[in-house]
Amino acid sequence: MPLINAFRMDGLGNRFIIIDRRENTIHIPKEKIIHLGNLKSFHRNIEFDQMIFIEKEINNVFPITIFNSDGGEVSACGNGSRCVAYLLSKHLNNKEIKLKTKNRLINAKIIGESDVQLEMGKPEFEWRKIPLKEKLDHKNITLNIDGKEFTDGFSLNVGNPHIIFFVKDCFDYDLKILGPKIENHKLFPERTNVTFAQVDNENNITVNVWERGAGLTKACGTAACATAVAALIKKLTKNDINIKFEEGTLNIKIDTSLNIFMRGPVSGIKHTKLEI
């Protein structure tokens, strides 16, 4: 089997395999991504939540294509975008990088040695754009899971769909069981990311996240953005919010137009090879 060069990085434990195909056409079929995803528990050099391809530059903008470890293509990945921006900044010796996901143009800025800030754009609240199966109050969703009601769910899209439940203790909920059931609920035609969040104070939130197509995750950048927006709109926090994950914190700032700015650290860059 041929070997291809790749990079391993993570943002707060959210793990990525990054493949640069700006100069060489490299195709990895969905079945192979799934196979590699299934091997991640056994081979540390290919552990990943998402596999990200850097595409050919267009007018100083770098398109990226993102796949979850279940082989499904997704439209956004906040921590992955931060890692790609950092990688490109090292290659290009440039502190500012423009990325293009499937549905967003993202401005990235390297701050200090390894902090990366992304301008993520604005959230979507319209039910068709989240998307939801039917029109309802996206700020007050009730789901019945195994006979138990989960109320006051806040659903939105920040490049991909999310639902957030604000609770007293986010770790009281077993997301290995609840996560896939909420992710695949009939209300969400494109499935959804799931966050249980506890507000510690007006500037700090602790979260427990189930990532669509990847499972229980140590961190998720778009979940941090979605949680911060939901908390601000519900008047639970201010507009400068620290979202706490298992291995660190992402800072989310939201301006008066609801533009989202996400900042946090990324890991160093490690080289690896994949058998395809």
C-alpha atoms as a PDB file:
ATOM      1  CA  MET A   1       0.000   0.000   0.000  1.00  0.00           C
ATOM      2  CA  PRO A   2       1.318   3.507  -0.812  1.00  0.00           C
ATOM      3  CA  LEU A   3       2.314   5.828   2.010  1.00  0.00           C
ATOM      4  CA  ILE A   4       1.350   9.499   2.060  1.00  0.00           C
ATOM      5  CA  ASN A   5       2.731  12.275   4.222  1.00  0.00           C
ATOM      6  CA  ALA A   6       0.394  13.874   6.731  1.00  0.00           C
ATOM      7  CA  PHE A   7       0.478  16.051   9.835  1.00  0.00           C
ATOM      8  CA  ARG A   8      -0.926  15.402  13.282  1.00  0.00           C
ATOM      9  CA  MET A   9      -2.146  18.272  15.426  1.00  0.00           C
ATOM     10  CA  ASP A  10      -4.679  18.914  18.152  1.00  0.00           C
ATOM     11  CA  GLY A  11      -6.519  21.803  19.713  1.00  0.00           C
ATOM     12  CA  LEU A  12      -7.128  21.122  23.430  1.00  0.00           C
ATOM     13  CA  GLY A  13      -7.144  17.368  22.752  1.00  0.00           C
ATOM     14  CA  ASN A  14      -9.422  17.637  19.692  1.00  0.00           C
ATOM     15  CA  ARG A  15      -7.306  15.572  17.261  1.00  0.00           C
ATOM     16  CA  PHE A  16      -6.687  16.028  13.545  1.00  0.00           C
ATOM     17  CA  ILE A  17      -4.928  14.421  10.641  1.00  0.00           C
ATOM     18  CA  ILE A  18      -4.101  17.164   8.123  1.00  0.00           C
ATOM     19  CA  ILE A  19      -3.218  16.326   4.523  1.00  0.00           C
ATOM     20  CA  ASP A  20      -1.779  18.988   2.224  1.00  0.00           C
ATOM     21  CA  ARG A  21      -2.957  18.537  -1.338  1.00  0.00           C
ATOM     22  CA  ARG A  22      -2.152  22.010  -2.645  1.00  0.00           C
ATOM     23  CA  GLU A  23       0.369  20.514  -5.076  1.00  0.00           C
ATOM     24  CA  ASN A  24      -0.482  16.824  -5.277  1.00  0.00           C
ATOM     25  CA  THR A  25      -3.851  15.208  -5.851  1.00  0.00           C
ATOM     26  CA  ILE A  26      -4.442  12.761  -3.012  1.00  0.00           C
ATOM     27  CA  HIS A  27      -7.730  10.908  -2.838  1.00  0.00           C
ATOM     28  CA  ILE A  28      -8.741   8.936   0.237  1.00  0.00           C
ATOM     29  CA  PRO A  29     -12.134   7.239  -0.207  1.00  0.00           C
ATOM     30  CA  LYS A  30     -14.766   7.348   2.502  1.00  0.00           C
ATOM     31  CA  GLU A  31     -14.266   3.649   3.278  1.00  0.00           C
ATOM     32  CA  LYS A  32     -10.579   4.275   3.979  1.00  0.00           C
ATOM     33  CA  ILE A  33     -11.318   7.235   6.262  1.00  0.00           C
ATOM     34  CA  ILE A  34     -13.735   5.026   8.207  1.00  0.00           C
ATOM     35  CA  HIS A  35     -11.116   2.254   8.367  1.00  0.00           C
ATOM     36  CA  LEU A  36      -8.459   4.667   9.650  1.00  0.00           C
ATOM     37  CA  GLY A  37     -10.985   6.112  12.099  1.00  0.00           C
ATOM     38  CA  ASN A  38     -11.672   2.643  13.460  1.00  0.00           C
ATOM     39  CA  LEU A  39      -7.934   2.083  13.975  1.00  0.00           C
ATOM     40  CA  LYS A  40      -7.454   5.258  16.018  1.00  0.00           C
ATOM     41  CA  SER A  41      -7.761   3.453  19.351  1.00  0.00           C
ATOM     42  CA  PHE A  42      -4.873   1.154  18.436  1.00  0.00           C
ATOM     43  CA  HIS A  43      -2.417   3.404  16.587  1.00  0.00           C
ATOM     44  CA  ARG A  44      -1.535   6.690  18.259  1.00  0.00           C
ATOM     45  CA  ASN A  45       0.064   8.081  15.089  1.00  0.00           C
ATOM     46  CA  ILE A  46      -3.318   8.115  13.313  1.00  0.00           C
ATOM     47  CA  GLU A  47      -5.623   9.178  16.136  1.00  0.00           C
ATOM     48  CA  PHE A  48      -8.097  11.711  14.784  1.00  0.00           C
ATOM     49  CA  ASP A  49     -11.528  13.155  15.287  1.00  0.00           C
ATOM     50  CA  GLN A  50     -11.404  14.852  11.887  1.00  0.00           C
ATOM     51  CA  MET A  51      -9.324  14.426   8.751  1.00  0.00           C
ATOM     52  CA  ILE A  52      -8.732  17.744   6.972  1.00  0.00           C
ATOM     53  CA  PHE A  53      -7.453  18.341   3.446  1.00  0.00           C
ATOM     54  CA  ILE A  54      -5.810  21.636   2.467  1.00  0.00           C
ATOM     55  CA  GLU A  55      -6.810  22.438  -1.116  1.00  0.00           C
ATOM     56  CA  LYS A  56      -5.177  24.577  -3.802  1.00  0.00           C
ATOM     57  CA  GLU A  57      -5.010  28.272  -2.953  1.00  0.00           C
ATOM     58  CA  ILE A  58      -7.470  30.600  -4.711  1.00  0.00           C
ATOM     59  CA  ASN A  59      -6.665  34.334  -4.506  1.00  0.00           C
ATOM     60  CA  ASN A  60      -4.792  33.961  -1.188  1.00  0.00           C
ATOM     61  CA  VAL A  61      -7.614  31.883   0.299  1.00  0.00           C
ATOM     62  CA  PHE A  62      -7.045  28.243   1.276  1.00  0.00           C
ATOM     63  CA  PRO A  63     -10.103  25.993   0.921  1.00  0.00           C
ATOM     64  CA  ILE A  64     -10.258  23.078   3.358  1.00  0.00           C
ATOM     65  CA  THR A  65     -12.293  19.888   3.145  1.00  0.00           C
ATOM     66  CA  ILE A  66     -13.235  18.245   6.446  1.00  0.00           C
ATOM     67  CA  PHE A  67     -14.275  14.672   7.229  1.00  0.00           C
ATOM     68  CA  ASN A  68     -15.294  13.222  10.576  1.00  0.00           C
ATOM     69  CA  SER A  69     -13.810   9.898  11.610  1.00  0.00           C
ATOM     70  CA  ASP A  70     -17.056   8.209  10.525  1.00  0.00           C
ATOM     71  CA  GLY A  71     -16.297   9.261   6.936  1.00  0.00           C
ATOM     72  CA  GLY A  72     -18.944  11.974   6.731  1.00  0.00           C
ATOM     73  CA  GLU A  73     -17.998  15.344   5.240  1.00  0.00           C
ATOM     74  CA  VAL A  74     -18.811  18.353   7.429  1.00  0.00           C
ATOM     75  CA  SER A  75     -18.976  22.068   6.755  1.00  0.00           C
ATOM     76  CA  ALA A  76     -17.002  23.431   9.699  1.00  0.00           C
ATOM     77  CA  CYS A  77     -14.476  22.538  12.377  1.00  0.00           C
ATOM     78  CA  GLY A  78     -13.288  25.348  14.620  1.00  0.00           C
ATOM     79  CA  ASN A  79     -10.320  23.702  16.300  1.00  0.00           C
ATOM     80  CA  GLY A  80      -9.303  22.013  13.056  1.00  0.00           C
ATOM     81  CA  SER A  81      -9.374  25.353  11.259  1.00  0.00           C
ATOM     82  CA  ARG A  82      -7.166  26.833  13.972  1.00  0.00           C
ATOM     83  CA  CYS A  83      -4.676  23.990  13.513  1.00  0.00           C
ATOM     84  CA  VAL A  84      -4.632  24.339   9.712  1.00  0.00           C
ATOM     85  CA  ALA A  85      -4.126  28.094  10.015  1.00  0.00           C
ATOM     86  CA  TYR A  86      -1.171  27.541  12.353  1.00  0.00           C
ATOM     87  CA  LEU A  87       0.353  24.936  10.004  1.00  0.00           C
ATOM     88  CA  LEU A  88       0.008  27.232   6.985  1.00  0.00           C
ATOM     89  CA  SER A  89       1.385  30.196   8.930  1.00  0.00           C
ATOM     90  CA  LYS A  90       4.568  28.217   9.587  1.00  0.00           C
ATOM     91  CA  HIS A  91       4.861  27.151   5.931  1.00  0.00           C
ATOM     92  CA  LEU A  92       4.173  30.642   4.583  1.00  0.00           C
ATOM     93  CA  ASN A  93       5.760  32.731   7.356  1.00  0.00           C
ATOM     94  CA  ASN A  94       2.556  34.730   7.625  1.00  0.00           C
ATOM     95  CA  LYS A  95       0.611  35.480  10.809  1.00  0.00           C
ATOM     96  CA  GLU A  96      -2.708  35.964   8.990  1.00  0.00           C
ATOM     97  CA  ILE A  97      -4.364  33.175   6.988  1.00  0.00           C
ATOM     98  CA  LYS A  98      -7.685  33.034   5.145  1.00  0.00           C
ATOM     99  CA  LEU A  99      -9.496  29.689   5.041  1.00  0.00           C
ATOM    100  CA  LYS A 100     -12.649  28.687   3.223  1.00  0.00           C
ATOM    101  CA  THR A 101     -14.847  25.895   4.515  1.00  0.00           C
ATOM    102  CA  LYS A 102     -17.837  24.507   2.693  1.00  0.00           C
ATOM    103  CA  ASN A 103     -20.008  27.440   3.762  1.00  0.00           C
ATOM    104  CA  ARG A 104     -17.796  30.086   5.388  1.00  0.00           C
ATOM    105  CA  LEU A 105     -14.791  32.317   4.830  1.00  0.00           C
ATOM    106  CA  ILE A 106     -12.682  32.307   7.996  1.00  0.00           C
ATOM    107  CA  ASN A 107     -10.024  34.869   8.900  1.00  0.00           C
ATOM    108  CA  ALA A 108      -7.321  33.458  11.152  1.00  0.00           C
ATOM    109  CA  LYS A 109      -4.631  35.299  13.092  1.00  0.00           C
ATOM    110  CA  ILE A 110      -1.687  33.773  14.954  1.00  0.00           C
ATOM    111  CA  ILE A 111      -1.255  35.503  18.311  1.00  0.00           C
ATOM    112  CA  GLY A 112       1.903  34.867  20.295  1.00  0.00           C
ATOM    113  CA  GLU A 113       3.625  31.522  19.865  1.00  0.00           C
ATOM    114  CA  SER A 114       0.737  29.090  19.520  1.00  0.00           C
ATOM    115  CA  ASP A 115      -2.572  30.885  20.097  1.00  0.00           C
ATOM    116  CA  VAL A 116      -4.829  31.142  17.063  1.00  0.00           C
ATOM    117  CA  GLN A 117      -7.846  33.412  16.750  1.00  0.00           C
ATOM    118  CA  LEU A 118     -10.577  32.740  14.189  1.00  0.00           C
ATOM    119  CA  GLU A 119     -13.227  35.132  13.011  1.00  0.00           C
ATOM    120  CA  MET A 120     -16.032  32.597  12.635  1.00  0.00           C
ATOM    121  CA  GLY A 121     -18.787  34.815  11.223  1.00  0.00           C
ATOM    122  CA  LYS A 122     -22.372  34.930  12.461  1.00  0.00           C
ATOM    123  CA  PRO A 123     -24.658  32.154  13.736  1.00  0.00           C
ATOM    124  CA  GLU A 124     -27.760  31.009  11.858  1.00  0.00           C
ATOM    125  CA  PHE A 125     -31.052  30.711  13.748  1.00  0.00           C
ATOM    126  CA  GLU A 126     -33.578  30.186  10.940  1.00  0.00           C
ATOM    127  CA  TRP A 127     -35.011  26.670  11.288  1.00  0.00           C
ATOM    128  CA  ARG A 128     -34.298  25.660   7.687  1.00  0.00           C
ATOM    129  CA  LYS A 129     -30.673  26.773   8.002  1.00  0.00           C
ATOM    130  CA  ILE A 130     -29.930  25.009  11.295  1.00  0.00           C
ATOM    131  CA  PRO A 131     -31.535  22.748   9.919  1.00  0.00           C
ATOM    132  CA  LEU A 132     -34.543  21.436  11.835  1.00  0.00           C
ATOM    133  CA  LYS A 133     -37.180  19.094  10.438  1.00  0.00           C
ATOM    134  CA  GLU A 134     -39.963  21.530  11.270  1.00  0.00           C
ATOM    135  CA  LYS A 135     -40.513  25.145  12.264  1.00  0.00           C
ATOM    136  CA  LEU A 136     -40.420  25.650  16.031  1.00  0.00           C
ATOM    137  CA  ASP A 137     -38.827  27.855  18.658  1.00  0.00           C
ATOM    138  CA  HIS A 138     -35.141  27.022  18.234  1.00  0.00           C
ATOM    139  CA  LYS A 139     -34.422  28.587  21.663  1.00  0.00           C
ATOM    140  CA  ASN A 140     -36.755  26.260  23.527  1.00  0.00           C
ATOM    141  CA  ILE A 141     -36.558  22.716  22.182  1.00  0.00           C
ATOM    142  CA  THR A 142     -37.839  19.729  24.139  1.00  0.00           C
ATOM    143  CA  LEU A 143     -36.630  16.235  23.246  1.00  0.00           C
ATOM    144  CA  ASN A 144     -37.998  12.967  24.602  1.00  0.00           C
ATOM    145  CA  ILE A 145     -35.161  10.480  24.975  1.00  0.00           C
ATOM    146  CA  ASP A 146     -35.981   7.046  26.410  1.00  0.00           C
ATOM    147  CA  GLY A 147     -39.040   8.435  28.163  1.00  0.00           C
ATOM    148  CA  LYS A 148     -37.193  11.360  29.744  1.00  0.00           C
ATOM    149  CA  GLU A 149     -37.765  14.963  28.660  1.00  0.00           C
ATOM    150  CA  PHE A 150     -34.816  17.253  27.985  1.00  0.00           C
ATOM    151  CA  THR A 151     -36.138  20.808  27.945  1.00  0.00           C
ATOM    152  CA  ASP A 152     -34.958  24.307  26.989  1.00  0.00           C
ATOM    153  CA  GLY A 153     -32.593  23.090  24.283  1.00  0.00           C
ATOM    154  CA  PHE A 154     -31.112  25.905  22.188  1.00  0.00           C
ATOM    155  CA  SER A 155     -30.436  24.949  18.566  1.00  0.00           C
ATOM    156  CA  LEU A 156     -28.380  26.980  16.070  1.00  0.00           C
ATOM    157  CA  ASN A 157     -25.837  26.652  13.295  1.00  0.00           C
ATOM    158  CA  VAL A 158     -22.307  28.071  13.476  1.00  0.00           C
ATOM    159  CA  GLY A 159     -21.092  26.338  10.332  1.00  0.00           C
ATOM    160  CA  ASN A 160     -22.616  23.083  11.524  1.00  0.00           C
ATOM    161  CA  PRO A 161     -25.718  22.294  13.626  1.00  0.00           C
ATOM    162  CA  HIS A 162     -25.661  22.316  17.428  1.00  0.00           C
ATOM    163  CA  ILE A 163     -28.036  21.912  20.325  1.00  0.00           C
ATOM    164  CA  ILE A 164     -27.105  23.114  23.803  1.00  0.00           C
ATOM    165  CA  PHE A 165     -28.738  22.213  27.110  1.00  0.00           C
ATOM    166  CA  PHE A 166     -27.827  24.403  30.093  1.00  0.00           C
ATOM    167  CA  VAL A 167     -27.764  22.270  33.246  1.00  0.00           C
ATOM    168  CA  LYS A 168     -26.537  22.402  36.833  1.00  0.00           C
ATOM    169  CA  ASP A 169     -23.765  19.822  36.312  1.00  0.00           C
ATOM    170  CA  CYS A 170     -22.852  18.953  32.728  1.00  0.00           C
ATOM    171  CA  PHE A 171     -21.073  15.770  33.778  1.00  0.00           C
ATOM    172  CA  ASP A 172     -24.204  14.319  35.392  1.00  0.00           C
ATOM    173  CA  TYR A 173     -25.211  13.261  31.876  1.00  0.00           C
ATOM    174  CA  ASP A 174     -23.675  10.203  30.188  1.00  0.00           C
ATOM    175  CA  LEU A 175     -23.080  11.450  26.658  1.00  0.00           C
ATOM    176  CA  LYS A 176     -21.846   8.050  25.512  1.00  0.00           C
ATOM    177  CA  ILE A 177     -25.483   7.007  25.845  1.00  0.00           C
ATOM    178  CA  LEU A 178     -27.362  10.274  25.304  1.00  0.00           C
ATOM    179  CA  GLY A 179     -25.067  11.760  22.670  1.00  0.00           C
ATOM    180  CA  PRO A 180     -25.826   9.434  19.752  1.00  0.00           C
ATOM    181  CA  LYS A 181     -29.548   9.432  20.543  1.00  0.00           C
ATOM    182  CA  ILE A 182     -29.768  13.222  20.451  1.00  0.00           C
ATOM    183  CA  GLU A 183     -27.376  13.480  17.486  1.00  0.00           C
ATOM    184  CA  ASN A 184     -29.616  11.200  15.431  1.00  0.00           C
ATOM    185  CA  HIS A 185     -32.976  12.494  16.673  1.00  0.00           C
ATOM    186  CA  LYS A 186     -35.572  12.849  13.920  1.00  0.00           C
ATOM    187  CA  LEU A 187     -35.749  16.625  14.521  1.00  0.00           C
ATOM    188  CA  PHE A 188     -32.272  17.023  12.980  1.00  0.00           C
ATOM    189  CA  PRO A 189     -32.188  16.008   9.298  1.00  0.00           C
ATOM    190  CA  GLU A 190     -28.398  16.504   9.140  1.00  0.00           C
ATOM    191  CA  ARG A 191     -27.847  15.215  12.689  1.00  0.00           C
ATOM    192  CA  THR A 192     -26.491  17.596  15.331  1.00  0.00           C
ATOM    193  CA  ASN A 193     -23.649  18.240  17.744  1.00  0.00           C
ATOM    194  CA  VAL A 194     -24.720  17.978  21.382  1.00  0.00           C
ATOM    195  CA  THR A 195     -23.496  20.074  24.319  1.00  0.00           C
ATOM    196  CA  PHE A 196     -24.439  19.962  27.986  1.00  0.00           C
ATOM    197  CA  ALA A 197     -23.220  23.206  29.545  1.00  0.00           C
ATOM    198  CA  GLN A 198     -23.006  24.558  33.074  1.00  0.00           C
ATOM    199  CA  VAL A 199     -22.652  28.286  33.668  1.00  0.00           C
ATOM    200  CA  ASP A 200     -19.993  28.811  36.332  1.00  0.00           C
ATOM    201  CA  ASN A 201     -20.310  32.616  36.308  1.00  0.00           C
ATOM    202  CA  GLU A 202     -20.990  35.424  33.835  1.00  0.00           C
ATOM    203  CA  ASN A 203     -17.677  34.820  32.017  1.00  0.00           C
ATOM    204  CA  ASN A 204     -17.093  31.064  32.378  1.00  0.00           C
ATOM    205  CA  ILE A 205     -18.906  27.957  31.168  1.00  0.00           C
ATOM    206  CA  THR A 206     -17.883  24.299  31.527  1.00  0.00           C
ATOM    207  CA  VAL A 207     -19.053  21.943  28.788  1.00  0.00           C
ATOM    208  CA  ASN A 208     -19.461  18.257  27.997  1.00  0.00           C
ATOM    209  CA  VAL A 209     -19.649  17.676  24.236  1.00  0.00           C
ATOM    210  CA  TRP A 210     -20.749  14.893  21.906  1.00  0.00           C
ATOM    211  CA  GLU A 211     -19.518  15.683  18.392  1.00  0.00           C
ATOM    212  CA  ARG A 212     -21.587  14.668  15.406  1.00  0.00           C
ATOM    213  CA  GLY A 213     -19.796  11.887  13.538  1.00  0.00           C
ATOM    214  CA  ALA A 214     -16.857  11.765  15.962  1.00  0.00           C
ATOM    215  CA  GLY A 215     -18.372  10.958  19.354  1.00  0.00           C
ATOM    216  CA  LEU A 216     -17.357  12.080  22.819  1.00  0.00           C
ATOM    217  CA  THR A 217     -14.635  14.678  22.341  1.00  0.00           C
ATOM    218  CA  LYS A 218     -12.156  16.449  24.576  1.00  0.00           C
ATOM    219  CA  ALA A 219     -12.885  19.741  22.812  1.00  0.00           C
ATOM    220  CA  CYS A 220     -14.958  21.177  19.976  1.00  0.00           C
ATOM    221  CA  GLY A 221     -14.444  24.703  18.656  1.00  0.00           C
ATOM    222  CA  THR A 222     -17.843  25.169  17.039  1.00  0.00           C
ATOM    223  CA  ALA A 223     -19.531  23.805  20.185  1.00  0.00           C
ATOM    224  CA  ALA A 224     -17.708  26.491  22.169  1.00  0.00           C
ATOM    225  CA  CYS A 225     -18.974  29.149  19.752  1.00  0.00           C
ATOM    226  CA  ALA A 226     -22.531  27.806  19.774  1.00  0.00           C
ATOM    227  CA  THR A 227     -22.600  27.571  23.574  1.00  0.00           C
ATOM    228  CA  ALA A 228     -21.302  31.122  23.993  1.00  0.00           C
ATOM    229  CA  VAL A 229     -23.903  32.513  21.579  1.00  0.00           C
ATOM    230  CA  ALA A 230     -26.738  30.616  23.267  1.00  0.00           C
ATOM    231  CA  ALA A 231     -25.617  31.733  26.726  1.00  0.00           C
ATOM    232  CA  LEU A 232     -25.382  35.375  25.644  1.00  0.00           C
ATOM    233  CA  ILE A 233     -28.821  35.370  24.037  1.00  0.00           C
ATOM    234  CA  LYS A 234     -30.328  33.705  27.094  1.00  0.00           C
ATOM    235  CA  LYS A 235     -28.642  36.415  29.219  1.00  0.00           C
ATOM    236  CA  LEU A 236     -26.707  33.821  31.204  1.00  0.00           C
ATOM    237  CA  THR A 237     -23.299  35.377  30.485  1.00  0.00           C
ATOM    238  CA  LYS A 238     -21.584  38.432  29.058  1.00  0.00           C
ATOM    239  CA  ASN A 239     -20.114  38.562  25.550  1.00  0.00           C
ATOM    240  CA  ASP A 240     -16.537  37.609  26.544  1.00  0.00           C
ATOM    241  CA  ILE A 241     -16.768  33.975  27.580  1.00  0.00           C
ATOM    242  CA  ASN A 242     -14.283  31.253  28.515  1.00  0.00           C
ATOM    243  CA  ILE A 243     -15.475  27.795  27.492  1.00  0.00           C
ATOM    244  CA  LYS A 244     -13.753  25.143  29.614  1.00  0.00           C
ATOM    245  CA  PHE A 245     -12.895  21.705  28.225  1.00  0.00           C
ATOM    246  CA  GLU A 246     -11.037  18.774  29.738  1.00  0.00           C
ATOM    247  CA  GLU A 247      -7.594  19.960  28.561  1.00  0.00           C
ATOM    248  CA  GLY A 248      -8.003  23.726  28.455  1.00  0.00           C
ATOM    249  CA  THR A 249     -10.082  26.753  27.562  1.00  0.00           C
ATOM    250  CA  LEU A 250     -11.290  28.529  24.441  1.00  0.00           C
ATOM    251  CA  ASN A 251     -12.099  32.225  24.662  1.00  0.00           C
ATOM    252  CA  ILE A 252     -15.139  33.368  22.690  1.00  0.00           C
ATOM    253  CA  LYS A 253     -15.917  37.030  22.072  1.00  0.00           C
ATOM    254  CA  ILE A 254     -19.163  38.071  20.401  1.00  0.00           C
ATOM    255  CA  ASP A 255     -19.633  41.586  19.052  1.00  0.00           C
ATOM    256  CA  THR A 256     -22.872  43.561  18.843  1.00  0.00           C
ATOM    257  CA  SER A 257     -23.583  42.132  15.365  1.00  0.00           C
ATOM    258  CA  LEU A 258     -23.121  38.571  16.711  1.00  0.00           C
ATOM    259  CA  ASN A 259     -19.838  38.045  14.878  1.00  0.00           C
ATOM    260  CA  ILE A 260     -17.958  35.290  16.728  1.00  0.00           C
ATOM    261  CA  PHE A 261     -14.226  35.396  17.546  1.00  0.00           C
ATOM    262  CA  MET A 262     -12.649  32.227  18.931  1.00  0.00           C
ATOM    263  CA  ARG A 263      -9.158  32.112  20.417  1.00  0.00           C
ATOM    264  CA  GLY A 264      -7.123  29.307  21.949  1.00  0.00           C
ATOM    265  CA  PRO A 265      -3.903  27.264  21.813  1.00  0.00           C
ATOM    266  CA  VAL A 266      -2.913  24.592  19.324  1.00  0.00           C
ATOM    267  CA  SER A 267      -0.370  21.812  19.642  1.00  0.00           C
ATOM    268  CA  GLY A 268       2.920  21.489  17.864  1.00  0.00           C
ATOM    269  CA  ILE A 269       3.053  19.950  14.398  1.00  0.00           C
ATOM    270  CA  LYS A 270       3.925  16.260  14.144  1.00  0.00           C
ATOM    271  CA  HIS A 271       4.704  14.413  10.925  1.00  0.00           C
ATOM    272  CA  THR A 272       3.179  11.039  10.202  1.00  0.00           C
ATOM    273  CA  LYS A 273       2.522   8.696   7.277  1.00  0.00           C
ATOM    274  CA  LEU A 274      -0.710   7.016   6.278  1.00  0.00           C
ATOM    275  CA  GLU A 275      -1.137   3.782   4.365  1.00  0.00           C
ATOM    276  CA  ILE A 276      -3.739   4.249   1.664  1.00  0.00           C
END
